[in-house]
Protein backbone atom coordinates (compact mmCIF):
# COMPACT_ATOMS: atom_id res chain seq x y z
CA MET A 1 75.22 232.82 62.28
CA LYS A 2 78.24 234.17 64.04
CA ILE A 3 80.53 236.78 62.51
CA LEU A 4 84.19 236.29 63.42
CA ASN A 5 86.29 239.06 64.88
CA ILE A 6 87.80 241.05 61.99
CA LYS A 7 91.14 241.28 63.82
CA ILE A 8 91.68 237.59 63.09
CA LEU A 9 91.63 238.32 59.39
CA GLN A 10 94.38 240.93 59.63
CA ASN A 11 96.92 238.10 59.59
CA ILE A 12 95.61 236.77 56.26
CA SER A 13 97.32 238.15 53.17
CA LEU A 14 94.24 238.27 50.96
CA PRO A 15 94.24 240.43 47.87
CA LEU A 16 90.62 241.14 48.59
CA PHE A 17 89.15 241.88 51.98
CA LEU A 18 87.11 238.85 53.02
CA LEU A 19 84.62 238.55 55.80
CA LEU A 20 84.23 234.98 56.99
CA ILE A 21 80.94 233.71 58.34
CA ILE A 22 80.80 230.35 60.04
CA SER A 23 77.47 228.71 60.63
CA CYS A 24 76.78 227.79 64.24
CA ASN A 25 74.60 224.90 63.14
CA LYS A 26 76.51 221.73 64.15
CA ASN A 27 74.92 219.81 61.30
CA GLU A 28 76.40 222.17 58.76
CA ASP A 29 80.11 222.06 57.95
CA LYS A 30 80.04 224.91 55.49
CA ILE A 31 81.90 228.17 55.20
CA LEU A 32 80.28 231.11 53.51
CA PHE A 33 82.38 233.98 52.23
CA LEU A 34 81.27 237.53 51.72
CA ASP A 35 83.59 239.46 49.45
CA ARG A 36 83.06 243.22 49.56
CA GLN A 37 84.67 243.72 46.14
CA LYS A 38 83.18 240.67 44.48
CA GLU A 39 80.32 241.22 42.06
CA PRO A 40 77.02 239.62 43.08
CA LYS A 41 75.65 236.87 40.90
CA TYR A 42 74.17 238.19 37.69
CA LEU A 43 70.37 238.32 37.74
CA PRO A 44 68.64 238.35 34.35
CA SER A 45 66.01 241.01 33.76
CA LYS A 46 62.46 239.82 33.24
CA SER A 47 61.11 243.22 32.29
CA ASN A 48 63.74 244.09 29.68
CA PRO A 49 65.76 240.91 28.97
CA THR A 50 68.90 241.00 26.85
CA LYS A 51 69.64 238.14 24.47
CA PHE A 52 71.88 236.63 27.15
CA ASP A 53 69.03 236.95 29.67
CA GLN A 54 66.79 235.08 27.24
CA LEU A 55 69.37 232.30 27.03
CA ILE A 56 69.32 232.07 30.83
CA PHE A 57 65.52 231.89 30.99
CA SER A 58 65.58 229.25 28.24
CA ALA A 59 68.07 227.19 30.27
CA ILE A 60 65.82 227.44 33.35
CA GLU A 61 62.80 226.37 31.30
CA ALA A 62 64.69 223.47 29.70
CA GLU A 63 65.85 222.15 33.06
CA LYS A 64 62.32 222.42 34.43
CA LEU A 65 60.82 220.56 31.46
CA CYS A 66 63.49 217.82 31.43
CA THR A 67 64.28 217.39 35.13
CA GLU A 68 64.34 213.58 34.92
CA TYR A 69 66.84 213.66 32.04
CA THR A 70 69.32 216.40 33.00
CA HIS A 71 71.87 214.02 34.54
CA ARG A 72 71.53 211.17 32.05
CA VAL A 73 74.45 210.33 29.78
CA ASN A 74 72.88 207.82 27.38
CA PHE A 75 69.48 208.19 25.74
CA THR A 76 67.25 205.83 23.81
CA ALA A 77 65.73 206.89 20.49
CA GLY A 78 62.37 207.26 22.23
CA GLN A 79 63.83 209.49 24.95
CA LYS A 80 65.49 211.67 22.35
CA LEU A 81 62.19 212.17 20.54
CA LYS A 82 60.41 212.95 23.80
CA ILE A 83 63.01 215.56 24.82
CA MET A 84 62.94 217.12 21.34
CA HIS A 85 59.16 217.42 21.70
CA LEU A 86 59.35 218.83 25.24
CA LEU A 87 61.92 221.41 24.16
CA SER A 88 60.49 222.23 20.74
CA LYS A 89 59.44 225.80 21.68
CA VAL A 90 62.56 226.44 23.75
CA SER A 91 64.83 225.12 20.97
CA THR A 92 63.14 227.28 18.32
CA HIS A 93 63.49 230.34 20.54
CA VAL A 94 67.17 229.66 21.33
CA LYS A 95 67.85 228.97 17.66
CA HIS A 96 66.65 232.50 16.89
CA ILE A 97 68.68 234.03 19.74
CA VAL A 98 71.98 232.35 18.83
CA SER A 99 71.71 233.58 15.24
CA HIS A 100 72.91 236.86 16.80
CA TYR A 101 75.76 235.06 18.59
CA ASN A 102 78.35 237.73 17.88
CA GLU A 103 76.20 240.42 19.54
CA ILE A 104 75.67 238.48 22.76
CA LEU A 105 77.70 239.59 25.76
CA PHE A 106 78.38 236.64 28.07
CA ILE A 107 77.96 237.88 31.65
CA PHE A 108 80.38 235.85 33.73
CA THR A 109 80.43 235.60 37.52
CA PRO A 110 83.35 233.69 39.11
CA VAL A 111 82.42 230.49 40.95
CA ASP A 112 83.85 229.18 44.18
CA MET A 113 85.21 225.66 44.66
CA ASN A 114 81.99 224.34 46.11
CA GLU A 115 79.60 226.18 43.79
CA SER A 116 77.60 224.58 41.01
CA TYR A 117 77.19 226.31 37.67
CA ASP A 118 73.87 228.05 37.15
CA TYR A 119 72.07 227.26 33.89
CA LEU A 120 74.69 224.77 32.64
CA ASN A 121 72.39 221.74 32.84
CA GLY A 122 69.70 223.59 30.90
CA TRP A 123 72.13 224.69 28.22
CA ALA A 124 73.49 221.15 27.95
CA MET A 125 69.94 219.85 27.47
CA ILE A 126 69.20 222.41 24.77
CA SER A 127 72.45 221.57 22.97
CA LYS A 128 71.51 217.88 22.96
CA ALA A 129 68.13 218.76 21.47
CA PHE A 130 69.86 220.82 18.76
CA ILE A 131 72.14 217.94 17.78
CA TRP A 132 69.27 215.42 17.83
CA GLN A 133 67.21 217.71 15.61
CA MET A 134 70.13 217.71 13.19
CA GLU A 135 70.46 213.91 13.37
CA TYR A 136 66.71 213.52 12.81
CA ALA A 137 66.85 215.81 9.75
CA ILE A 138 69.81 213.85 8.34
CA SER A 139 68.03 210.50 8.83
CA ASN A 140 65.07 211.91 6.87
CA GLN A 141 67.42 213.34 4.21
CA ASN A 142 66.14 216.83 5.00
CA TYR A 143 69.54 218.42 4.47
CA ASP A 144 68.25 221.99 4.47
CA ALA A 145 67.04 221.54 8.04
CA ALA A 146 70.21 219.65 8.98
CA CYS A 147 72.34 222.57 7.76
CA GLU A 148 70.25 225.07 9.74
CA TRP A 149 70.44 223.06 12.98
CA PHE A 150 74.17 222.51 12.45
CA LEU A 151 74.74 226.23 12.10
CA SER A 152 72.74 226.87 15.29
CA THR A 153 74.87 224.38 17.25
CA GLN A 154 78.02 226.14 16.00
CA GLN A 155 76.66 229.54 17.03
CA PHE A 156 75.46 228.28 20.42
CA GLY A 157 78.81 226.62 21.08
CA ASN A 158 80.66 229.82 20.22
CA ILE A 159 78.59 231.76 22.77
CA LEU A 160 79.54 229.27 25.51
CA LEU A 161 83.23 229.63 24.61
CA LYS A 162 82.99 233.13 26.10
CA GLY A 163 82.53 231.75 29.63
CA ASP A 164 85.19 229.93 31.68
CA ALA A 165 86.80 226.52 31.15
CA THR A 166 83.62 224.62 32.12
CA HIS A 167 81.40 226.64 29.78
CA ALA A 168 84.01 226.35 27.04
CA SER A 169 84.15 222.57 27.51
CA LEU A 170 80.42 222.33 26.79
CA GLY A 171 80.76 224.75 23.87
CA LEU A 172 83.60 222.75 22.33
CA ASN A 173 81.65 219.52 22.74
CA ILE A 174 78.64 221.00 20.91
CA ILE A 175 80.77 222.39 18.08
CA ASN A 176 82.80 219.21 17.59
CA GLU A 177 79.98 216.68 17.88
CA SER A 178 77.70 218.49 15.43
CA ARG A 179 80.53 218.88 12.90
CA ARG A 180 81.35 215.14 13.01
CA HIS A 181 77.83 214.34 11.81
CA MET A 182 78.09 216.76 8.90
CA VAL A 183 81.55 215.67 7.73
CA ASN A 184 80.22 212.19 6.97
CA ILE A 185 77.53 213.47 4.59
CA ILE A 186 79.13 216.56 3.04
CA LYS A 187 79.19 214.93 -0.42
CA ARG A 188 75.40 214.64 -0.37
CA PHE A 189 74.80 218.38 -0.10
CA ASN A 190 73.62 220.35 -3.11
CA ILE A 191 75.08 223.65 -4.33
CA SER A 192 72.66 225.75 -2.26
CA GLN A 193 73.42 223.86 0.95
CA LEU A 194 77.20 223.98 0.42
CA ASN A 195 77.03 227.69 -0.31
CA PHE A 196 74.95 228.25 2.86
CA LEU A 197 77.45 226.36 5.01
CA HIS A 198 80.49 227.99 3.43
CA THR A 199 79.05 231.51 3.79
CA LYS A 200 77.93 231.11 7.40
CA LEU A 201 81.06 229.30 8.59
CA SER A 202 83.27 231.84 6.80
CA THR A 203 81.60 234.55 8.89
CA ILE A 204 82.40 232.63 12.09
CA CYS A 205 86.03 232.10 11.02
CA LYS A 206 86.53 235.72 9.95
CA THR A 207 84.99 237.02 13.17
CA GLY A 208 87.48 234.88 15.01
CA TRP A 209 87.52 233.46 18.52
CA ASN A 210 88.42 235.48 21.60
CA PHE A 211 90.07 232.69 23.59
CA SER A 212 91.78 235.24 25.84
CA LEU A 213 88.36 236.08 27.29
CA THR A 214 87.97 232.45 28.40
CA MET A 215 91.41 232.61 30.01
CA ASP A 216 90.43 235.80 31.86
CA HIS A 217 87.32 234.16 33.26
CA GLU A 218 89.11 231.00 34.32
CA TYR A 219 91.76 233.06 36.10
CA LEU A 220 89.03 234.86 38.06
CA ASN A 221 87.89 231.43 39.25
CA ILE A 222 91.42 230.44 40.23
CA LYS A 223 91.88 233.58 42.32
CA ASN A 224 88.56 232.84 44.02
CA TRP A 225 89.63 229.28 44.81
CA ILE A 226 92.94 230.37 46.32
CA ASP A 227 91.13 232.96 48.45
CA THR A 228 88.79 230.25 49.70
CA LEU A 229 91.70 227.92 50.39
CA GLU A 230 93.53 230.55 52.41
CA VAL A 231 90.54 231.53 54.54
CA ALA A 232 89.73 227.86 55.19
CA PHE A 233 93.36 227.26 56.16
CA PHE A 234 93.57 230.10 58.66
CA HIS A 235 90.32 228.95 60.25
CA LYS A 236 91.42 225.32 60.22
CA LYS A 237 88.49 224.05 58.18
CA MET A 238 90.31 221.07 56.72
CA ASN A 239 87.16 218.93 56.63
CA TYR A 240 85.59 221.54 54.41
CA LEU A 241 88.49 221.33 51.97
CA ASN A 242 88.39 217.53 52.05
CA GLN A 243 84.73 217.58 51.06
CA ILE A 244 85.36 219.93 48.13
CA LEU A 245 88.61 218.56 46.74
CA LYS A 246 87.98 214.90 47.58
CA ASN A 247 90.69 212.58 46.15
CA ASP A 248 92.95 215.46 45.14
CA SER A 249 93.17 216.80 48.67
CA LYS A 250 94.80 214.08 50.75
CA GLU A 251 98.48 215.01 50.36
CA PRO A 252 98.16 218.81 50.08
CA ILE A 253 95.86 219.01 53.11
CA LYS A 254 98.27 216.82 55.03
CA TYR A 255 100.90 219.44 54.29
CA LEU A 256 98.56 222.28 55.31
CA ASN A 257 98.03 220.61 58.67
CA LYS A 258 101.81 220.65 59.17
CA LEU A 259 101.91 224.26 57.99
CA HIS A 260 99.62 225.22 60.87
CA LYS A 261 102.52 224.48 63.21
CA LYS A 262 104.88 226.85 61.40
CA ASN A 263 105.19 230.60 61.81
CA ILE A 264 103.00 233.17 60.11
CA VAL A 265 105.75 234.14 57.63
CA ASP A 266 105.95 230.58 56.26
CA GLN A 267 102.18 230.40 56.11
CA LYS A 268 101.86 233.65 54.19
CA ASN A 269 104.70 232.63 51.89
CA PHE A 270 102.88 229.43 50.91
CA PHE A 271 99.85 231.33 49.62
CA TYR A 272 101.98 234.09 48.10
CA LYS A 273 103.88 231.56 45.98
CA LEU A 274 100.69 229.75 45.00
CA ARG A 275 99.21 233.05 43.80
CA LEU A 276 102.43 233.97 42.03
CA GLU A 277 102.44 230.66 40.16
CA ALA A 278 98.78 231.15 39.23
CA GLU A 279 99.58 234.57 37.81
CA GLN A 280 102.51 233.19 35.80
CA GLU A 281 100.40 230.37 34.35
CA TYR A 282 97.64 232.81 33.45
CA GLU A 283 99.97 235.33 31.78
CA ILE A 284 101.59 232.62 29.66
CA SER A 285 98.19 231.15 28.72
CA LEU A 286 96.84 234.59 27.86
CA LYS A 287 99.85 235.45 25.69
CA ASN A 288 99.81 232.05 23.97
CA SER A 289 96.11 232.36 23.09
CA LYS A 290 96.98 235.16 20.68
CA TYR A 291 99.60 233.25 18.66
CA PRO A 292 99.86 230.03 16.65
CA LEU A 293 101.49 227.09 18.42
CA ALA A 294 104.81 227.62 16.59
CA LEU A 295 105.22 231.05 18.19
CA ARG A 296 104.06 230.26 21.73
CA SER A 297 106.09 230.34 24.92
CA SER A 298 106.64 227.20 26.97
CA TYR A 299 105.28 226.87 30.48
CA PRO A 300 107.99 227.04 33.14
CA THR A 301 109.49 223.80 34.42
CA TYR A 302 108.98 223.76 38.16
CA PRO A 303 111.29 221.97 40.60
CA LYS A 304 110.03 218.62 41.89
CA LYS A 305 111.02 219.48 45.46
CA ASN A 306 110.36 222.50 47.66
CA ARG A 307 107.04 223.15 45.97
CA PRO A 308 104.45 221.93 48.51
CA TRP A 309 101.57 223.69 46.74
CA LYS A 310 102.06 221.66 43.52
CA ARG A 311 98.95 219.50 44.07
CA PHE A 312 96.81 222.60 44.43
CA SER A 313 98.43 224.01 41.28
CA LYS A 314 97.57 220.83 39.40
CA HIS A 315 94.00 220.93 40.66
CA PHE A 316 93.35 224.66 40.19
CA PHE A 317 95.34 225.49 37.04
CA SER A 318 94.50 222.49 34.85
CA GLY A 319 91.77 224.43 33.04
CA LEU A 320 94.21 227.05 31.78
CA LYS A 321 96.66 224.53 30.32
CA SER A 322 94.11 222.15 28.82
CA LEU A 323 92.02 224.81 27.05
CA GLN A 324 94.43 225.92 24.32
CA PRO A 325 95.04 222.47 22.71
CA CYS A 326 91.26 221.98 22.55
CA PHE A 327 90.79 225.43 21.04
CA ASP A 328 93.48 224.69 18.43
CA GLN A 329 91.77 221.48 17.31
CA MET A 330 88.35 223.13 17.14
CA GLU A 331 89.64 226.16 15.21
CA ALA A 332 91.61 224.02 12.75
CA ARG A 333 88.68 221.70 12.04
CA THR A 334 86.15 224.51 11.73
CA LYS A 335 88.39 226.13 9.13
CA LEU A 336 89.05 222.82 7.36
CA PHE A 337 85.32 222.11 7.16
CA THR A 338 84.69 225.60 5.77
CA ILE A 339 87.29 225.00 3.04
CA TYR A 340 85.85 221.53 2.36
CA CYS A 341 82.48 223.17 1.67
CA MET A 342 84.09 225.55 -0.82
CA ILE A 343 85.99 222.71 -2.54
CA TYR A 344 82.87 220.56 -2.93
CA LEU A 345 80.97 223.63 -4.10
CA ASN A 346 83.57 224.02 -6.87
CA ILE A 347 83.37 220.30 -7.70
CA LYS A 348 79.58 220.52 -8.01
CA THR A 349 79.71 223.61 -10.24
CA ASN A 350 82.95 223.15 -12.25
CA HIS A 351 83.60 219.40 -11.85
CA LEU A 352 87.04 220.17 -10.43
CA SER A 353 88.42 220.67 -6.96
CA LEU A 354 90.08 224.02 -6.24
CA PRO A 355 93.52 224.19 -7.88
CA ASP A 356 94.87 225.94 -4.77
CA LEU A 357 93.64 227.96 -1.77
CA SER A 358 94.40 231.39 -3.22
CA LYS A 359 90.70 232.24 -3.59
CA VAL A 360 89.99 231.40 0.05
CA SER A 361 90.37 234.12 2.70
CA LYS A 362 93.70 234.01 4.54
CA THR A 363 91.78 234.14 7.80
CA ILE A 364 90.31 230.75 6.93
CA THR A 365 93.37 229.07 5.40
CA THR A 366 95.71 229.94 8.30
CA ASP A 367 96.62 226.90 10.38
CA PRO A 368 96.44 227.70 14.14
CA TYR A 369 99.45 225.44 14.68
CA THR A 370 101.92 227.01 12.23
CA GLY A 371 100.40 230.39 11.37
CA LYS A 372 100.86 229.38 7.70
CA ASP A 373 98.42 227.90 5.19
CA PHE A 374 96.97 224.43 5.63
CA ILE A 375 98.56 221.74 3.45
CA TYR A 376 96.56 221.26 0.24
CA TYR A 377 97.01 219.11 -2.87
CA SER A 378 94.52 218.64 -5.70
CA GLU A 379 94.18 216.73 -8.97
CA GLY A 380 90.91 216.72 -10.87
CA VAL A 381 88.10 216.09 -8.40
CA HIS A 382 90.49 214.56 -5.88
CA PHE A 383 92.19 216.56 -3.13
CA LYS A 384 93.96 216.31 0.20
CA LEU A 385 93.61 219.00 2.89
CA TYR A 386 94.99 218.85 6.43
CA SER A 387 96.80 220.61 9.27
CA VAL A 388 100.33 219.63 10.34
CA GLY A 389 99.03 219.40 13.92
CA GLU A 390 100.86 219.84 17.18
CA ASN A 391 104.18 218.31 16.05
CA LEU A 392 104.42 221.12 13.44
CA THR A 393 105.67 218.62 10.84
CA ASP A 394 104.05 217.70 7.54
CA ASP A 395 103.58 213.92 7.74
CA GLY A 396 101.68 213.68 4.46
CA GLY A 397 98.22 213.77 5.99
CA ILE A 398 98.76 210.60 8.02
CA SER A 399 96.77 210.54 11.24
CA ASN A 400 95.55 208.24 13.99
CA GLU A 401 92.00 207.09 14.71
CA THR A 402 91.23 210.36 16.50
CA GLY A 403 92.46 212.34 13.50
CA THR A 404 94.77 214.44 15.67
CA TYR A 405 98.29 212.97 15.34
CA PRO A 406 100.75 213.22 13.71
CA ASP A 407 98.74 215.38 11.28
CA LEU A 408 95.32 216.76 12.13
CA ILE A 409 92.56 215.91 9.66
CA LEU A 410 88.90 216.81 9.37
CA MET A 411 86.65 214.61 11.48
């Protein structure tokens, strides 16, 4: 290992002081960065583990037990049963941990462009086992067990929402997939099961979702990526960037090669404007996460020309922009399902649907798109409940096959 002369780095306008180490091994084309102000990777405690530590150890154990399955996408019925058996102890333990989901502090460490996510494969495997346990219970008409496993998937998913965009993507997938199974059989549940679901989901809805935390974490990643990009640029490690960014890198790296021939002011200005745009995108995303869609600010419209960093913006900032629409759908459908449980509970006990939503908490009836109540009509045991969706217009509950447009319905 050879440490570069620090004087070289004085020309780099980094917000953090970086020390660049380049491996002298010719077979390695890697750059390692040591950041004096960057927190080291979080290490879980074995002697006195927190609930989050226990989730980490469970992920490690799950990945160890299911190594041959961690990268599979499709599974046979036999493979599902085998994985459920292999992870039976881990799943039971995690099920207990996530029941305290609101007490769990997600310890997030920013990742670099070339870094893999620790524990994500293990958590993905556990989430699959949770959903399969629920499916298995449903197929055996054991609806008590199905309700319990469903609740655990919701709680587990909500914990993962506290990470960055990648963690949140897994969390949203768990929450949405498990709910889809339950929507199809909600009419089969008895009074006790409906009351259990309504009570537990009401707690989740009333606690709320801190989407701004996810935005904070994703922005930490973005700043890390831009730092890496700048250091790689000033040390002319274009091959390194090609390896990381792959298909997205051809045009922007071509421009960076031309930028090497320009003066230091132009070079610094490129990274300054990229950082400035990142900050603007983050601040808008953060502000928007606290309001319904109807009250949100629009993202700025950038000029098509004289913006050579636009490909990097598209690559780095996509997580910030894509998160909120996914959060809106998840929040709306979680609330809709909670209200559905209360309506069917009333049908089972009083043989009538709810006349209106006045007895339901405002926290639950508020549509994340409009900030007003969901649309609800009822007559006898029949009812219609939906969100106006992203077009903010009541289209009478009409929706497409995905249930998202023009109105958003429960699926």
